[in-house]
Amino acid sequence: FKPHVSVAYSSADGPAAPVLEAVERANVPPATARVASVQLITLNR
């Protein structure tokens, strides 16, 4: 288990270089979240 939040999902096979370059160029200050509850949900995809 590696707790994470996804920003985007890959929807195709292809080179990763453009994605890596875009993420590396982004200058995004860190974020903080307060964990005060857990949600039971019914999920679909």
All heavy atoms as atom14 arrays in JSON, in Angstrom:
{
  "sequence": "FKPHVSVAYSSADGPAAPVLEAVERANVPPATARVASVQLITLNR",
  "atom14_mask": [
    [1, 1, 1, 1, 1, 1, 1, 1, 1, 1, 1, 0, 0, 0],
    [1, 1, 1, 1, 1, 1, 1, 1, 1, 0, 0, 0, 0, 0],
    [1, 1, 1, 1, 1, 1, 1, 0, 0, 0, 0, 0, 0, 0],
    [1, 1, 1, 1, 1, 1, 1, 1, 1, 1, 0, 0, 0, 0],
    [1, 1, 1, 1, 1, 1, 1, 0, 0, 0, 0, 0, 0, 0],
    [1, 1, 1, 1, 1, 1, 0, 0, 0, 0, 0, 0, 0, 0],
    [1, 1, 1, 1, 1, 1, 1, 0, 0, 0, 0, 0, 0, 0],
    [1, 1, 1, 1, 1, 0, 0, 0, 0, 0, 0, 0, 0, 0],
    [1, 1, 1, 1, 1, 1, 1, 1, 1, 1, 1, 1, 0, 0],
    [1, 1, 1, 1, 1, 1, 0, 0, 0, 0, 0, 0, 0, 0],
    [1, 1, 1, 1, 1, 1, 0, 0, 0, 0, 0, 0, 0, 0],
    [1, 1, 1, 1, 1, 0, 0, 0, 0, 0, 0, 0, 0, 0],
    [1, 1, 1, 1, 1, 1, 1, 1, 0, 0, 0, 0, 0, 0],
    [1, 1, 1, 1, 0, 0, 0, 0, 0, 0, 0, 0, 0, 0],
    [1, 1, 1, 1, 1, 1, 1, 0, 0, 0, 0, 0, 0, 0],
    [1, 1, 1, 1, 1, 0, 0, 0, 0, 0, 0, 0, 0, 0],
    [1, 1, 1, 1, 1, 0, 0, 0, 0, 0, 0, 0, 0, 0],
    [1, 1, 1, 1, 1, 1, 1, 0, 0, 0, 0, 0, 0, 0],
    [1, 1, 1, 1, 1, 1, 1, 0, 0, 0, 0, 0, 0, 0],
    [1, 1, 1, 1, 1, 1, 1, 1, 0, 0, 0, 0, 0, 0],
    [1, 1, 1, 1, 1, 1, 1, 1, 1, 0, 0, 0, 0, 0],
    [1, 1, 1, 1, 1, 0, 0, 0, 0, 0, 0, 0, 0, 0],
    [1, 1, 1, 1, 1, 1, 1, 0, 0, 0, 0, 0, 0, 0],
    [1, 1, 1, 1, 1, 1, 1, 1, 1, 0, 0, 0, 0, 0],
    [1, 1, 1, 1, 1, 1, 1, 1, 1, 1, 1, 0, 0, 0],
    [1, 1, 1, 1, 1, 0, 0, 0, 0, 0, 0, 0, 0, 0],
    [1, 1, 1, 1, 1, 1, 1, 1, 0, 0, 0, 0, 0, 0],
    [1, 1, 1, 1, 1, 1, 1, 0, 0, 0, 0, 0, 0, 0],
    [1, 1, 1, 1, 1, 1, 1, 0, 0, 0, 0, 0, 0, 0],
    [1, 1, 1, 1, 1, 1, 1, 0, 0, 0, 0, 0, 0, 0],
    [1, 1, 1, 1, 1, 0, 0, 0, 0, 0, 0, 0, 0, 0],
    [1, 1, 1, 1, 1, 1, 1, 0, 0, 0, 0, 0, 0, 0],
    [1, 1, 1, 1, 1, 0, 0, 0, 0, 0, 0, 0, 0, 0],
    [1, 1, 1, 1, 1, 1, 1, 1, 1, 1, 1, 0, 0, 0],
    [1, 1, 1, 1, 1, 1, 1, 0, 0, 0, 0, 0, 0, 0],
    [1, 1, 1, 1, 1, 0, 0, 0, 0, 0, 0, 0, 0, 0],
    [1, 1, 1, 1, 1, 1, 0, 0, 0, 0, 0, 0, 0, 0],
    [1, 1, 1, 1, 1, 1, 1, 0, 0, 0, 0, 0, 0, 0],
    [1, 1, 1, 1, 1, 1, 1, 1, 1, 0, 0, 0, 0, 0],
    [1, 1, 1, 1, 1, 1, 1, 1, 0, 0, 0, 0, 0, 0],
    [1, 1, 1, 1, 1, 1, 1, 1, 0, 0, 0, 0, 0, 0],
    [1, 1, 1, 1, 1, 1, 1, 0, 0, 0, 0, 0, 0, 0],
    [1, 1, 1, 1, 1, 1, 1, 1, 0, 0, 0, 0, 0, 0],
    [1, 1, 1, 1, 1, 1, 1, 1, 0, 0, 0, 0, 0, 0],
    [1, 1, 1, 1, 1, 1, 1, 1, 1, 1, 1, 0, 0, 0]
  ],
  "atom14_positions": [
    [[0.84, -1.2, 0.0], [0.0, 0.0, 0.0], [0.88, 1.25, 0.0], [1.71, 1.44, 0.88], [-0.91, -0.01, 1.23], [-1.74, 1.23, 1.4], [-2.71, 1.57, 0.47], [-1.57, 2.05, 2.51], [-3.49, 2.7, 0.63], [-2.35, 3.18, 2.69], [-3.31, 3.51, 1.74], [0.0, 0.0, 0.0], [0.0, 0.0, 0.0], [0.0, 0.0, 0.0]],
    [[0.7, 2.11, -0.99], [1.43, 3.36, -1.11], [0.42, 4.49, -1.27], [-0.08, 4.74, -2.37], [2.39, 3.32, -2.31], [3.48, 2.27, -2.18], [4.41, 2.28, -3.39], [5.51, 1.24, -3.25], [6.42, 1.24, -4.43], [0.0, 0.0, 0.0], [0.0, 0.0, 0.0], [0.0, 0.0, 0.0], [0.0, 0.0, 0.0], [0.0, 0.0, 0.0]],
    [[0.06, 5.15, -0.19], [-1.02, 6.15, -0.26], [-0.67, 7.3, -1.18], [0.37, 7.93, -1.03], [-1.18, 6.6, 1.18], [0.1, 6.24, 1.87], [0.6, 5.02, 1.17], [0.0, 0.0, 0.0], [0.0, 0.0, 0.0], [0.0, 0.0, 0.0], [0.0, 0.0, 0.0], [0.0, 0.0, 0.0], [0.0, 0.0, 0.0], [0.0, 0.0, 0.0]],
    [[-1.56, 7.58, -2.13], [-1.29, 8.62, -3.12], [-2.59, 9.18, -3.66], [-3.65, 8.56, -3.56], [-0.45, 8.07, -4.28], [-1.18, 7.01, -5.07], [-1.2, 5.68, -4.71], [-1.94, 7.1, -6.21], [-1.91, 5.0, -5.58], [-2.39, 5.84, -6.49], [0.0, 0.0, 0.0], [0.0, 0.0, 0.0], [0.0, 0.0, 0.0], [0.0, 0.0, 0.0]],
    [[-2.48, 10.35, -4.24], [-3.57, 10.98, -4.99], [-3.13, 11.08, -6.44], [-2.03, 11.57, -6.73], [-3.9, 12.37, -4.43], [-4.83, 13.12, -5.37], [-4.53, 12.26, -3.05], [0.0, 0.0, 0.0], [0.0, 0.0, 0.0], [0.0, 0.0, 0.0], [0.0, 0.0, 0.0], [0.0, 0.0, 0.0], [0.0, 0.0, 0.0], [0.0, 0.0, 0.0]],
    [[-3.96, 10.6, -7.34], [-3.64, 10.68, -8.76], [-4.11, 12.01, -9.34], [-5.16, 12.53, -8.97], [-4.27, 9.52, -9.53], [-3.68, 8.29, -9.15], [0.0, 0.0, 0.0], [0.0, 0.0, 0.0], [0.0, 0.0, 0.0], [0.0, 0.0, 0.0], [0.0, 0.0, 0.0], [0.0, 0.0, 0.0], [0.0, 0.0, 0.0], [0.0, 0.0, 0.0]],
    [[-3.29, 12.55, -10.23], [-3.59, 13.78, -10.97], [-4.18, 13.45, -12.34], [-5.07, 14.14, -12.84], [-2.31, 14.62, -11.13], [-2.54, 15.83, -12.01], [-1.75, 15.02, -9.77], [0.0, 0.0, 0.0], [0.0, 0.0, 0.0], [0.0, 0.0, 0.0], [0.0, 0.0, 0.0], [0.0, 0.0, 0.0], [0.0, 0.0, 0.0], [0.0, 0.0, 0.0]],
    [[-3.68, 12.37, -12.95], [-4.12, 11.97, -14.28], [-3.86, 10.49, -14.44], [-2.94, 9.93, -13.83], [-3.37, 12.75, -15.36], [0.0, 0.0, 0.0], [0.0, 0.0, 0.0], [0.0, 0.0, 0.0], [0.0, 0.0, 0.0], [0.0, 0.0, 0.0], [0.0, 0.0, 0.0], [0.0, 0.0, 0.0], [0.0, 0.0, 0.0], [0.0, 0.0, 0.0]],
    [[-4.69, 9.84, -15.28], [-4.47, 8.45, -15.64], [-4.03, 8.38, -17.1], [-4.54, 9.12, -17.95], [-5.75, 7.63, -15.46], [-6.18, 7.5, -14.02], [-7.36, 8.09, -13.59], [-5.41, 6.81, -13.1], [-7.75, 7.99, -12.26], [-5.8, 6.7, -11.77], [-6.97, 7.29, -11.36], [-7.36, 7.19, -10.06], [0.0, 0.0, 0.0], [0.0, 0.0, 0.0]],
    [[-3.12, 7.47, -17.36], [-2.72, 7.22, -18.74], [-3.82, 6.43, -19.44], [-4.32, 5.44, -18.91], [-1.41, 6.43, -18.77], [-1.08, 6.07, -20.09], [0.0, 0.0, 0.0], [0.0, 0.0, 0.0], [0.0, 0.0, 0.0], [0.0, 0.0, 0.0], [0.0, 0.0, 0.0], [0.0, 0.0, 0.0], [0.0, 0.0, 0.0], [0.0, 0.0, 0.0]],
    [[-4.19, 6.88, -20.61], [-5.26, 6.22, -21.36], [-4.76, 5.58, -22.65], [-5.56, 5.14, -23.47], [-6.37, 7.23, -21.69], [-5.84, 8.31, -22.45], [0.0, 0.0, 0.0], [0.0, 0.0, 0.0], [0.0, 0.0, 0.0], [0.0, 0.0, 0.0], [0.0, 0.0, 0.0], [0.0, 0.0, 0.0], [0.0, 0.0, 0.0], [0.0, 0.0, 0.0]],
    [[-3.44, 5.53, -22.82], [-2.88, 4.96, -24.05], [-1.44, 4.54, -23.81], [-0.77, 5.04, -22.89], [-2.94, 5.98, -25.19], [0.0, 0.0, 0.0], [0.0, 0.0, 0.0], [0.0, 0.0, 0.0], [0.0, 0.0, 0.0], [0.0, 0.0, 0.0], [0.0, 0.0, 0.0], [0.0, 0.0, 0.0], [0.0, 0.0, 0.0], [0.0, 0.0, 0.0]],
    [[-0.97, 3.62, -24.62], [0.44, 3.27, -24.62], [1.21, 4.33, -25.41], [0.74, 4.81, -26.44], [0.65, 1.9, -25.26], [-0.09, 0.8, -24.51], [-0.23, 0.91, -23.29], [-0.51, -0.18, -25.16], [0.0, 0.0, 0.0], [0.0, 0.0, 0.0], [0.0, 0.0, 0.0], [0.0, 0.0, 0.0], [0.0, 0.0, 0.0], [0.0, 0.0, 0.0]],
    [[2.38, 4.71, -24.91], [3.16, 5.71, -25.61], [4.37, 6.11, -24.81], [4.57, 5.66, -23.67], [0.0, 0.0, 0.0], [0.0, 0.0, 0.0], [0.0, 0.0, 0.0], [0.0, 0.0, 0.0], [0.0, 0.0, 0.0], [0.0, 0.0, 0.0], [0.0, 0.0, 0.0], [0.0, 0.0, 0.0], [0.0, 0.0, 0.0], [0.0, 0.0, 0.0]],
    [[5.21, 6.97, -25.35], [6.42, 7.39, -24.64], [6.08, 8.21, -23.4], [5.15, 9.02, -23.4], [7.18, 8.22, -25.68], [6.13, 8.69, -26.63], [5.1, 7.6, -26.69], [0.0, 0.0, 0.0], [0.0, 0.0, 0.0], [0.0, 0.0, 0.0], [0.0, 0.0, 0.0], [0.0, 0.0, 0.0], [0.0, 0.0, 0.0], [0.0, 0.0, 0.0]],
    [[6.86, 8.02, -22.36], [6.64, 8.75, -21.11], [7.36, 10.08, -21.08], [7.03, 10.93, -20.23], [7.09, 7.89, -19.94], [0.0, 0.0, 0.0], [0.0, 0.0, 0.0], [0.0, 0.0, 0.0], [0.0, 0.0, 0.0], [0.0, 0.0, 0.0], [0.0, 0.0, 0.0], [0.0, 0.0, 0.0], [0.0, 0.0, 0.0], [0.0, 0.0, 0.0]],
    [[8.33, 10.31, -21.98], [9.16, 11.51, -21.9], [8.36, 12.81, -21.86], [8.66, 13.68, -21.04], [10.16, 11.53, -23.06], [0.0, 0.0, 0.0], [0.0, 0.0, 0.0], [0.0, 0.0, 0.0], [0.0, 0.0, 0.0], [0.0, 0.0, 0.0], [0.0, 0.0, 0.0], [0.0, 0.0, 0.0], [0.0, 0.0, 0.0], [0.0, 0.0, 0.0]],
    [[7.33, 13.0, -22.7], [6.59, 14.27, -22.63], [5.92, 14.5, -21.27], [5.84, 15.63, -20.79], [5.56, 14.14, -23.76], [6.14, 13.15, -24.7], [6.87, 12.17, -23.82], [0.0, 0.0, 0.0], [0.0, 0.0, 0.0], [0.0, 0.0, 0.0], [0.0, 0.0, 0.0], [0.0, 0.0, 0.0], [0.0, 0.0, 0.0], [0.0, 0.0, 0.0]],
    [[5.44, 13.42, -20.67], [4.78, 13.53, -19.37], [5.81, 13.86, -18.29], [5.61, 14.74, -17.45], [4.02, 12.24, -19.03], [3.28, 12.38, -17.69], [3.03, 11.88, -20.14], [0.0, 0.0, 0.0], [0.0, 0.0, 0.0], [0.0, 0.0, 0.0], [0.0, 0.0, 0.0], [0.0, 0.0, 0.0], [0.0, 0.0, 0.0], [0.0, 0.0, 0.0]],
    [[6.93, 13.17, -18.32], [7.99, 13.43, -17.35], [8.49, 14.87, -17.46], [8.71, 15.54, -16.45], [9.14, 12.45, -17.59], [8.89, 11.0, -17.17], [9.92, 10.08, -17.81], [8.95, 10.86, -15.65], [0.0, 0.0, 0.0], [0.0, 0.0, 0.0], [0.0, 0.0, 0.0], [0.0, 0.0, 0.0], [0.0, 0.0, 0.0], [0.0, 0.0, 0.0]],
    [[8.64, 15.34, -18.68], [9.13, 16.7, -18.88], [8.14, 17.73, -18.35], [8.52, 18.72, -17.72], [9.42, 16.94, -20.36], [10.61, 16.14, -20.88], [10.71, 16.13, -22.4], [9.81, 16.72, -23.06], [11.65, 15.52, -22.92], [0.0, 0.0, 0.0], [0.0, 0.0, 0.0], [0.0, 0.0, 0.0], [0.0, 0.0, 0.0], [0.0, 0.0, 0.0]],
    [[6.84, 17.5, -18.6], [5.83, 18.44, -18.13], [5.78, 18.49, -16.61], [5.66, 19.57, -16.01], [4.46, 18.06, -18.7], [0.0, 0.0, 0.0], [0.0, 0.0, 0.0], [0.0, 0.0, 0.0], [0.0, 0.0, 0.0], [0.0, 0.0, 0.0], [0.0, 0.0, 0.0], [0.0, 0.0, 0.0], [0.0, 0.0, 0.0], [0.0, 0.0, 0.0]],
    [[5.86, 17.34, -15.97], [5.84, 17.28, -14.51], [7.08, 17.95, -13.93], [7.01, 18.68, -12.94], [5.71, 15.82, -14.03], [5.98, 15.7, -12.53], [4.33, 15.27, -14.37], [0.0, 0.0, 0.0], [0.0, 0.0, 0.0], [0.0, 0.0, 0.0], [0.0, 0.0, 0.0], [0.0, 0.0, 0.0], [0.0, 0.0, 0.0], [0.0, 0.0, 0.0]],
    [[8.22, 17.71, -14.55], [9.47, 18.3, -14.05], [9.47, 19.81, -14.19], [10.02, 20.52, -13.33], [10.66, 17.69, -14.79], [12.0, 18.1, -14.22], [13.15, 17.29, -14.78], [13.05, 16.06, -14.81], [14.14, 17.91, -15.22], [0.0, 0.0, 0.0], [0.0, 0.0, 0.0], [0.0, 0.0, 0.0], [0.0, 0.0, 0.0], [0.0, 0.0, 0.0]],
    [[8.85, 20.34, -15.24], [8.82, 21.78, -15.45], [7.88, 22.49, -14.48], [8.05, 23.67, -14.19], [8.39, 22.11, -16.89], [9.46, 21.87, -17.94], [9.08, 22.57, -19.24], [7.76, 22.17, -19.71], [7.55, 21.17, -20.57], [8.57, 20.48, -21.05], [6.32, 20.89, -20.96], [0.0, 0.0, 0.0], [0.0, 0.0, 0.0], [0.0, 0.0, 0.0]],
    [[6.89, 21.77, -14.01], [5.88, 22.39, -13.14], [6.51, 22.79, -11.81], [7.25, 22.01, -11.18], [4.73, 21.43, -12.9], [0.0, 0.0, 0.0], [0.0, 0.0, 0.0], [0.0, 0.0, 0.0], [0.0, 0.0, 0.0], [0.0, 0.0, 0.0], [0.0, 0.0, 0.0], [0.0, 0.0, 0.0], [0.0, 0.0, 0.0], [0.0, 0.0, 0.0]],
    [[6.22, 23.99, -11.38], [6.73, 24.49, -10.1], [5.53, 24.69, -9.18], [4.91, 25.76, -9.16], [7.5, 25.8, -10.31], [8.1, 26.32, -9.02], [8.24, 25.58, -8.05], [8.45, 27.6, -9.01], [0.0, 0.0, 0.0], [0.0, 0.0, 0.0], [0.0, 0.0, 0.0], [0.0, 0.0, 0.0], [0.0, 0.0, 0.0], [0.0, 0.0, 0.0]],
    [[5.19, 23.63, -8.45], [3.95, 23.61, -7.68], [4.27, 23.55, -6.19], [4.91, 22.61, -5.73], [3.09, 22.39, -8.08], [1.78, 22.39, -7.3], [2.83, 22.39, -9.59], [0.0, 0.0, 0.0], [0.0, 0.0, 0.0], [0.0, 0.0, 0.0], [0.0, 0.0, 0.0], [0.0, 0.0, 0.0], [0.0, 0.0, 0.0], [0.0, 0.0, 0.0]],
    [[3.85, 24.54, -5.41], [4.06, 24.48, -3.96], [3.34, 23.28, -3.35], [2.28, 22.85, -3.83], [3.47, 25.8, -3.46], [3.46, 26.7, -4.65], [3.23, 25.82, -5.83], [0.0, 0.0, 0.0], [0.0, 0.0, 0.0], [0.0, 0.0, 0.0], [0.0, 0.0, 0.0], [0.0, 0.0, 0.0], [0.0, 0.0, 0.0], [0.0, 0.0, 0.0]],
    [[3.9, 22.71, -2.28], [3.27, 21.56, -1.63], [1.88, 21.88, -1.1], [1.5, 23.05, -0.93], [4.23, 21.23, -0.49], [5.54, 21.81, -0.9], [5.2, 23.05, -1.68], [0.0, 0.0, 0.0], [0.0, 0.0, 0.0], [0.0, 0.0, 0.0], [0.0, 0.0, 0.0], [0.0, 0.0, 0.0], [0.0, 0.0, 0.0], [0.0, 0.0, 0.0]],
    [[1.12, 20.83, -0.84], [-0.24, 20.97, -0.31], [-0.38, 20.19, 0.98], [0.3, 19.18, 1.21], [-1.26, 20.48, -1.33], [0.0, 0.0, 0.0], [0.0, 0.0, 0.0], [0.0, 0.0, 0.0], [0.0, 0.0, 0.0], [0.0, 0.0, 0.0], [0.0, 0.0, 0.0], [0.0, 0.0, 0.0], [0.0, 0.0, 0.0], [0.0, 0.0, 0.0]],
    [[-1.31, 20.65, 1.8], [-1.64, 19.97, 3.06], [-3.12, 19.62, 3.07], [-3.95, 20.43, 2.66], [-1.31, 20.86, 4.27], [0.09, 21.13, 4.29], [-1.71, 20.19, 5.57], [0.0, 0.0, 0.0], [0.0, 0.0, 0.0], [0.0, 0.0, 0.0], [0.0, 0.0, 0.0], [0.0, 0.0, 0.0], [0.0, 0.0, 0.0], [0.0, 0.0, 0.0]],
    [[-3.42, 18.42, 3.52], [-4.81, 17.99, 3.67], [-5.04, 17.55, 5.1], [-4.17, 16.93, 5.73], [-5.13, 16.85, 2.71], [0.0, 0.0, 0.0], [0.0, 0.0, 0.0], [0.0, 0.0, 0.0], [0.0, 0.0, 0.0], [0.0, 0.0, 0.0], [0.0, 0.0, 0.0], [0.0, 0.0, 0.0], [0.0, 0.0, 0.0], [0.0, 0.0, 0.0]],
    [[-6.2, 17.85, 5.61], [-6.61, 17.4, 6.94], [-7.38, 16.1, 6.8], [-8.39, 16.04, 6.08], [-7.48, 18.45, 7.61], [-7.85, 18.12, 9.06], [-6.63, 18.21, 9.94], [-6.97, 18.07, 11.37], [-6.05, 17.9, 12.31], [-4.76, 17.88, 11.98], [-6.4, 17.78, 13.57], [0.0, 0.0, 0.0], [0.0, 0.0, 0.0], [0.0, 0.0, 0.0]],
    [[-6.91, 15.05, 7.45], [-7.61, 13.76, 7.42], [-8.4, 13.65, 8.71], [-7.85, 13.4, 9.79], [-6.62, 12.6, 7.28], [-7.37, 11.26, 7.27], [-5.79, 12.75, 6.0], [0.0, 0.0, 0.0], [0.0, 0.0, 0.0], [0.0, 0.0, 0.0], [0.0, 0.0, 0.0], [0.0, 0.0, 0.0], [0.0, 0.0, 0.0], [0.0, 0.0, 0.0]],
    [[-9.7, 13.88, 8.6], [-10.58, 13.86, 9.76], [-11.69, 12.83, 9.64], [-12.44, 12.61, 10.59], [-11.2, 15.24, 9.98], [0.0, 0.0, 0.0], [0.0, 0.0, 0.0], [0.0, 0.0, 0.0], [0.0, 0.0, 0.0], [0.0, 0.0, 0.0], [0.0, 0.0, 0.0], [0.0, 0.0, 0.0], [0.0, 0.0, 0.0], [0.0, 0.0, 0.0]],
    [[-11.78, 12.18, 8.46], [-12.81, 11.17, 8.26], [-12.4, 10.27, 7.1], [-11.49, 10.6, 6.33], [-14.17, 11.82, 7.97], [-14.11, 12.57, 6.76], [0.0, 0.0, 0.0], [0.0, 0.0, 0.0], [0.0, 0.0, 0.0], [0.0, 0.0, 0.0], [0.0, 0.0, 0.0], [0.0, 0.0, 0.0], [0.0, 0.0, 0.0], [0.0, 0.0, 0.0]],
    [[-13.08, 9.15, 7.0], [-12.87, 8.19, 5.92], [-14.22, 7.93, 5.28], [-15.24, 7.84, 5.98], [-12.26, 6.88, 6.44], [-12.02, 5.9, 5.31], [-10.95, 7.16, 7.18], [0.0, 0.0, 0.0], [0.0, 0.0, 0.0], [0.0, 0.0, 0.0], [0.0, 0.0, 0.0], [0.0, 0.0, 0.0], [0.0, 0.0, 0.0], [0.0, 0.0, 0.0]],
    [[-14.25, 7.8, 3.97], [-15.5, 7.64, 3.24], [-15.65, 6.22, 2.69], [-14.71, 5.69, 2.08], [-15.57, 8.64, 2.07], [-15.69, 10.09, 2.51], [-14.4, 10.65, 3.03], [-13.33, 10.4, 2.5], [-14.48, 11.44, 4.1], [0.0, 0.0, 0.0], [0.0, 0.0, 0.0], [0.0, 0.0, 0.0], [0.0, 0.0, 0.0], [0.0, 0.0, 0.0]],
    [[-16.81, 5.63, 2.93], [-17.21, 4.41, 2.22], [-18.0, 4.85, 1.01], [-18.97, 5.6, 1.13], [-18.06, 3.51, 3.11], [-18.61, 2.25, 2.44], [-17.49, 1.3, 2.02], [-19.6, 1.53, 3.35], [0.0, 0.0, 0.0], [0.0, 0.0, 0.0], [0.0, 0.0, 0.0], [0.0, 0.0, 0.0], [0.0, 0.0, 0.0], [0.0, 0.0, 0.0]],
    [[-17.57, 4.4, -0.18], [-18.21, 4.82, -1.41], [-18.54, 3.61, -2.27], [-17.99, 2.52, -2.06], [-17.31, 5.79, -2.21], [-15.99, 5.1, -2.59], [-17.05, 7.06, -1.42], [-15.06, 5.96, -3.44], [0.0, 0.0, 0.0], [0.0, 0.0, 0.0], [0.0, 0.0, 0.0], [0.0, 0.0, 0.0], [0.0, 0.0, 0.0], [0.0, 0.0, 0.0]],
    [[-19.44, 3.81, -3.22], [-19.74, 2.79, -4.22], [-19.22, 3.29, -5.55], [-19.71, 4.28, -6.1], [-21.25, 2.51, -4.29], [-21.69, 2.07, -3.0], [-21.54, 1.43, -5.31], [0.0, 0.0, 0.0], [0.0, 0.0, 0.0], [0.0, 0.0, 0.0], [0.0, 0.0, 0.0], [0.0, 0.0, 0.0], [0.0, 0.0, 0.0], [0.0, 0.0, 0.0]],
    [[-18.22, 2.61, -6.06], [-17.38, 3.08, -7.15], [-17.75, 2.43, -8.47], [-18.13, 1.26, -8.52], [-15.92, 2.73, -6.81], [-14.78, 3.24, -7.68], [-14.55, 4.72, -7.44], [-13.51, 2.46, -7.33], [0.0, 0.0, 0.0], [0.0, 0.0, 0.0], [0.0, 0.0, 0.0], [0.0, 0.0, 0.0], [0.0, 0.0, 0.0], [0.0, 0.0, 0.0]],
    [[-17.63, 3.22, -9.56], [-17.71, 2.63, -10.89], [-16.62, 3.24, -11.77], [-16.06, 4.29, -11.44], [-19.09, 2.83, -11.52], [-19.28, 4.22, -12.09], [-18.88, 4.51, -13.22], [-19.9, 5.11, -11.31], [0.0, 0.0, 0.0], [0.0, 0.0, 0.0], [0.0, 0.0, 0.0], [0.0, 0.0, 0.0], [0.0, 0.0, 0.0], [0.0, 0.0, 0.0]],
    [[-16.32, 2.58, -12.87], [-15.31, 3.09, -13.79], [-15.82, 2.98, -15.23], [-15.06, 2.79, -16.17], [-13.99, 2.34, -13.62], [-14.11, 0.85, -13.49], [-12.78, 0.14, -13.72], [-12.33, 0.33, -15.1], [-11.14, -0.09, -15.55], [-10.29, -0.69, -14.76], [-10.8, 0.09, -16.81], [0.0, 0.0, 0.0], [0.0, 0.0, 0.0], [0.0, 0.0, 0.0]]
  ]
}
